[in-house]
Amino acid sequence: MCNKVFRLHWKIFAGVTVFVGIFSAVYEYFGRGIRSRAMIWAFLFPLLFGAIPTYVLSGRLSAARVKYEGAVRFGINWYYSGVAALTVGSIATGVVEIYGTTNHLMRTYWIVGGLLLVAGVTVASTAYGAQAGRPTEGAKQETEEAGE
């Protein structure tokens, strides 16, 4: 069920948030005094788009009824890929800025990451809503027995 999966995922995202925060701090420390906003705030992507939403979803009662398979899993994986693209894009942009140059290809991370987030939310929420609104087999049997 999704609530068990989300409980695991928010812990993973919390670990990734801490790792990215430490990584960016160390990279900034050895960056010869040059700062990059993209590197400093890179930890926010796994925190705001990963740990917090999955923590909230892990406590929802409807998540206990939804199976982590099919379109739900597909949409969630796209969403997580979007979070990863934004996080890596922020770190890569920070590395390039600290190095002292620019690159127009860094925009690709933001575009692809945003598209994956939107597509993932659309697919997962549609499938999640369809499963959460559908009664379970036990509830169907109880309803049929009560109607007899």
C-alpha atoms as a PDB file:
ATOM      1  CA  MET A   1       0.000   0.000   0.000  1.00  0.00           C
ATOM      2  CA  CYS A   2       1.128   3.552  -0.708  1.00  0.00           C
ATOM      3  CA  ASN A   3       1.344   4.730   2.903  1.00  0.00           C
ATOM      4  CA  LYS A   4       4.115   2.205   3.661  1.00  0.00           C
ATOM      5  CA  VAL A   5       5.987   3.191   0.508  1.00  0.00           C
ATOM      6  CA  PHE A   6       5.636   6.897   1.304  1.00  0.00           C
ATOM      7  CA  ARG A   7       6.966   6.313   4.834  1.00  0.00           C
ATOM      8  CA  LEU A   8      10.123   4.842   3.322  1.00  0.00           C
ATOM      9  CA  HIS A   9      10.387   7.527   0.634  1.00  0.00           C
ATOM     10  CA  TRP A  10      10.180  10.502   2.990  1.00  0.00           C
ATOM     11  CA  LYS A  11      13.033   9.051   5.040  1.00  0.00           C
ATOM     12  CA  ILE A  12      15.105   8.622   1.880  1.00  0.00           C
ATOM     13  CA  PHE A  13      14.333  12.190   0.785  1.00  0.00           C
ATOM     14  CA  ALA A  14      15.279  13.470   4.245  1.00  0.00           C
ATOM     15  CA  GLY A  15      18.636  11.709   3.911  1.00  0.00           C
ATOM     16  CA  VAL A  16      19.139  13.114   0.412  1.00  0.00           C
ATOM     17  CA  THR A  17      18.314  16.601   1.723  1.00  0.00           C
ATOM     18  CA  VAL A  18      20.961  16.317   4.433  1.00  0.00           C
ATOM     19  CA  PHE A  19      23.525  14.894   1.976  1.00  0.00           C
ATOM     20  CA  VAL A  20      22.938  17.670  -0.579  1.00  0.00           C
ATOM     21  CA  GLY A  21      23.140  20.302   2.164  1.00  0.00           C
ATOM     22  CA  ILE A  22      26.459  18.957   3.432  1.00  0.00           C
ATOM     23  CA  PHE A  23      27.801  18.503  -0.110  1.00  0.00           C
ATOM     24  CA  SER A  24      26.957  22.069  -1.087  1.00  0.00           C
ATOM     25  CA  ALA A  25      28.441  23.461   2.141  1.00  0.00           C
ATOM     26  CA  VAL A  26      31.714  21.587   1.596  1.00  0.00           C
ATOM     27  CA  TYR A  27      31.836  22.598  -2.075  1.00  0.00           C
ATOM     28  CA  GLU A  28      31.232  26.242  -1.141  1.00  0.00           C
ATOM     29  CA  TYR A  29      33.944  26.035   1.536  1.00  0.00           C
ATOM     30  CA  PHE A  30      36.533  24.917  -0.999  1.00  0.00           C
ATOM     31  CA  GLY A  31      35.206  27.308  -3.682  1.00  0.00           C
ATOM     32  CA  ARG A  32      37.812  30.027  -2.996  1.00  0.00           C
ATOM     33  CA  GLY A  33      35.221  32.349  -1.473  1.00  0.00           C
ATOM     34  CA  ILE A  34      32.947  32.303  -4.522  1.00  0.00           C
ATOM     35  CA  ARG A  35      29.273  31.768  -3.724  1.00  0.00           C
ATOM     36  CA  SER A  36      26.455  30.386  -5.847  1.00  0.00           C
ATOM     37  CA  ARG A  37      22.778  30.692  -4.927  1.00  0.00           C
ATOM     38  CA  ALA A  38      22.006  27.585  -6.967  1.00  0.00           C
ATOM     39  CA  MET A  39      24.468  25.560  -4.887  1.00  0.00           C
ATOM     40  CA  ILE A  40      23.395  27.060  -1.562  1.00  0.00           C
ATOM     41  CA  TRP A  41      19.689  26.345  -2.112  1.00  0.00           C
ATOM     42  CA  ALA A  42      20.052  22.941  -3.844  1.00  0.00           C
ATOM     43  CA  PHE A  43      18.874  21.134  -0.703  1.00  0.00           C
ATOM     44  CA  LEU A  44      15.434  22.750  -1.008  1.00  0.00           C
ATOM     45  CA  PHE A  45      14.367  20.609  -3.978  1.00  0.00           C
ATOM     46  CA  PRO A  46      14.488  17.240  -2.194  1.00  0.00           C
ATOM     47  CA  LEU A  47      13.077  18.857   0.939  1.00  0.00           C
ATOM     48  CA  LEU A  48      10.153  20.809  -0.540  1.00  0.00           C
ATOM     49  CA  PHE A  49       9.289  18.469  -3.401  1.00  0.00           C
ATOM     50  CA  GLY A  50      10.340  15.175  -1.821  1.00  0.00           C
ATOM     51  CA  ALA A  51      10.426  14.845   1.960  1.00  0.00           C
ATOM     52  CA  ILE A  52       7.508  17.091   2.894  1.00  0.00           C
ATOM     53  CA  PRO A  53       4.939  15.830   0.336  1.00  0.00           C
ATOM     54  CA  THR A  54       5.761  12.167   0.950  1.00  0.00           C
ATOM     55  CA  TYR A  55       5.609  12.720   4.723  1.00  0.00           C
ATOM     56  CA  VAL A  56       2.160  14.270   4.393  1.00  0.00           C
ATOM     57  CA  LEU A  57       0.976  11.484   2.071  1.00  0.00           C
ATOM     58  CA  SER A  58       2.301   8.774   4.403  1.00  0.00           C
ATOM     59  CA  GLY A  59      -0.206   9.842   7.044  1.00  0.00           C
ATOM     60  CA  ARG A  60      -3.268   9.964   4.797  1.00  0.00           C
ATOM     61  CA  LEU A  61      -5.892   7.286   5.325  1.00  0.00           C
ATOM     62  CA  SER A  62      -6.627   7.121   1.608  1.00  0.00           C
ATOM     63  CA  ALA A  63      -2.992   6.118   0.976  1.00  0.00           C
ATOM     64  CA  ALA A  64      -3.610   2.898   2.901  1.00  0.00           C
ATOM     65  CA  ARG A  65      -6.197   1.838   0.294  1.00  0.00           C
ATOM     66  CA  VAL A  66      -4.182   2.705  -2.814  1.00  0.00           C
ATOM     67  CA  LYS A  67      -1.826   0.102  -4.238  1.00  0.00           C
ATOM     68  CA  TYR A  68       1.636   1.210  -5.332  1.00  0.00           C
ATOM     69  CA  GLU A  69       1.451  -0.269  -8.825  1.00  0.00           C
ATOM     70  CA  GLY A  70       0.573   0.594 -12.397  1.00  0.00           C
ATOM     71  CA  ALA A  71      -0.125   4.226 -13.205  1.00  0.00           C
ATOM     72  CA  VAL A  72       0.330   5.363  -9.596  1.00  0.00           C
ATOM     73  CA  ARG A  73       3.854   4.004  -9.497  1.00  0.00           C
ATOM     74  CA  PHE A  74       4.588   5.296 -13.004  1.00  0.00           C
ATOM     75  CA  GLY A  75       3.481   8.835 -12.115  1.00  0.00           C
ATOM     76  CA  ILE A  76       5.323   8.856  -8.806  1.00  0.00           C
ATOM     77  CA  ASN A  77       8.520   7.688 -10.518  1.00  0.00           C
ATOM     78  CA  TRP A  78       8.215  10.521 -13.052  1.00  0.00           C
ATOM     79  CA  TYR A  79       7.684  12.973 -10.212  1.00  0.00           C
ATOM     80  CA  TYR A  80      10.742  11.686  -8.341  1.00  0.00           C
ATOM     81  CA  SER A  81      12.759  11.910 -11.560  1.00  0.00           C
ATOM     82  CA  GLY A  82      11.726  15.555 -11.821  1.00  0.00           C
ATOM     83  CA  VAL A  83      12.902  16.194  -8.252  1.00  0.00           C
ATOM     84  CA  ALA A  84      16.222  14.514  -9.072  1.00  0.00           C
ATOM     85  CA  ALA A  85      16.642  16.547 -12.272  1.00  0.00           C
ATOM     86  CA  LEU A  86      16.010  19.812 -10.425  1.00  0.00           C
ATOM     87  CA  THR A  87      18.409  18.860  -7.618  1.00  0.00           C
ATOM     88  CA  VAL A  88      21.194  17.794  -9.977  1.00  0.00           C
ATOM     89  CA  GLY A  89      20.540  20.834 -12.163  1.00  0.00           C
ATOM     90  CA  SER A  90      20.895  23.141  -9.190  1.00  0.00           C
ATOM     91  CA  ILE A  91      24.157  21.491  -8.139  1.00  0.00           C
ATOM     92  CA  ALA A  92      25.524  21.522 -11.709  1.00  0.00           C
ATOM     93  CA  THR A  93      24.586  25.184 -12.111  1.00  0.00           C
ATOM     94  CA  GLY A  94      26.333  25.935  -8.823  1.00  0.00           C
ATOM     95  CA  VAL A  95      29.473  24.094  -9.912  1.00  0.00           C
ATOM     96  CA  VAL A  96      29.568  26.018 -13.191  1.00  0.00           C
ATOM     97  CA  GLU A  97      29.011  29.347 -11.411  1.00  0.00           C
ATOM     98  CA  ILE A  98      31.704  28.649  -8.815  1.00  0.00           C
ATOM     99  CA  TYR A  99      34.070  27.670 -11.601  1.00  0.00           C
ATOM    100  CA  GLY A 100      33.460  31.147 -13.001  1.00  0.00           C
ATOM    101  CA  THR A 101      31.684  30.475 -16.262  1.00  0.00           C
ATOM    102  CA  THR A 102      28.186  30.075 -17.657  1.00  0.00           C
ATOM    103  CA  ASN A 103      26.525  27.510 -19.857  1.00  0.00           C
ATOM    104  CA  HIS A 104      23.182  27.843 -21.610  1.00  0.00           C
ATOM    105  CA  LEU A 105      22.664  24.072 -21.422  1.00  0.00           C
ATOM    106  CA  MET A 106      22.009  24.324 -17.670  1.00  0.00           C
ATOM    107  CA  ARG A 107      18.471  25.472 -18.523  1.00  0.00           C
ATOM    108  CA  THR A 108      17.778  21.955 -19.798  1.00  0.00           C
ATOM    109  CA  TYR A 109      17.748  20.633 -16.218  1.00  0.00           C
ATOM    110  CA  TRP A 110      15.104  23.151 -15.190  1.00  0.00           C
ATOM    111  CA  ILE A 111      12.908  22.529 -18.226  1.00  0.00           C
ATOM    112  CA  VAL A 112      13.082  18.737 -18.074  1.00  0.00           C
ATOM    113  CA  GLY A 113      12.722  18.707 -14.291  1.00  0.00           C
ATOM    114  CA  GLY A 114       9.658  20.927 -14.424  1.00  0.00           C
ATOM    115  CA  LEU A 115       8.055  18.876 -17.177  1.00  0.00           C
ATOM    116  CA  LEU A 116       8.673  15.638 -15.270  1.00  0.00           C
ATOM    117  CA  LEU A 117       7.161  17.139 -12.112  1.00  0.00           C
ATOM    118  CA  VAL A 118       4.018  18.269 -13.917  1.00  0.00           C
ATOM    119  CA  ALA A 119       3.633  14.998 -15.833  1.00  0.00           C
ATOM    120  CA  GLY A 120       4.249  12.934 -12.701  1.00  0.00           C
ATOM    121  CA  VAL A 121       1.740  14.875 -10.617  1.00  0.00           C
ATOM    122  CA  THR A 122      -0.864  14.644 -13.381  1.00  0.00           C
ATOM    123  CA  VAL A 123      -0.518  10.891 -13.933  1.00  0.00           C
ATOM    124  CA  ALA A 124      -0.107   9.930 -10.270  1.00  0.00           C
ATOM    125  CA  SER A 125      -2.913  12.099  -8.936  1.00  0.00           C
ATOM    126  CA  THR A 126      -5.344  10.882 -11.601  1.00  0.00           C
ATOM    127  CA  ALA A 127      -4.537   7.226 -10.913  1.00  0.00           C
ATOM    128  CA  TYR A 128      -4.383   7.792  -7.147  1.00  0.00           C
ATOM    129  CA  GLY A 129      -7.776   9.490  -7.149  1.00  0.00           C
ATOM    130  CA  ALA A 130      -9.300   6.713  -9.233  1.00  0.00           C
ATOM    131  CA  GLN A 131      -8.054   4.057  -6.817  1.00  0.00           C
ATOM    132  CA  ALA A 132      -8.843   5.990  -3.629  1.00  0.00           C
ATOM    133  CA  GLY A 133     -12.429   6.633  -4.721  1.00  0.00           C
ATOM    134  CA  ARG A 134     -13.064   3.021  -5.682  1.00  0.00           C
ATOM    135  CA  PRO A 135     -14.378   0.815  -2.858  1.00  0.00           C
ATOM    136  CA  THR A 136     -12.313  -2.196  -1.882  1.00  0.00           C
ATOM    137  CA  GLU A 137     -13.468  -5.765  -2.447  1.00  0.00           C
ATOM    138  CA  GLY A 138     -14.428  -6.183   1.218  1.00  0.00           C
ATOM    139  CA  ALA A 139     -16.524  -3.020   1.163  1.00  0.00           C
ATOM    140  CA  LYS A 140     -18.291  -4.204  -2.016  1.00  0.00           C
ATOM    141  CA  GLN A 141     -19.220  -7.509  -0.387  1.00  0.00           C
ATOM    142  CA  GLU A 142     -20.447  -5.805   2.797  1.00  0.00           C
ATOM    143  CA  THR A 143     -22.593  -3.422   0.736  1.00  0.00           C
ATOM    144  CA  GLU A 144     -24.073  -6.306  -1.280  1.00  0.00           C
ATOM    145  CA  GLU A 145     -24.813  -8.317   1.869  1.00  0.00           C
ATOM    146  CA  ALA A 146     -26.443  -5.337   3.588  1.00  0.00           C
ATOM    147  CA  GLY A 147     -28.653  -4.782   0.528  1.00  0.00           C
ATOM    148  CA  GLU A 148     -30.016  -8.361   0.556  1.00  0.00           C
END
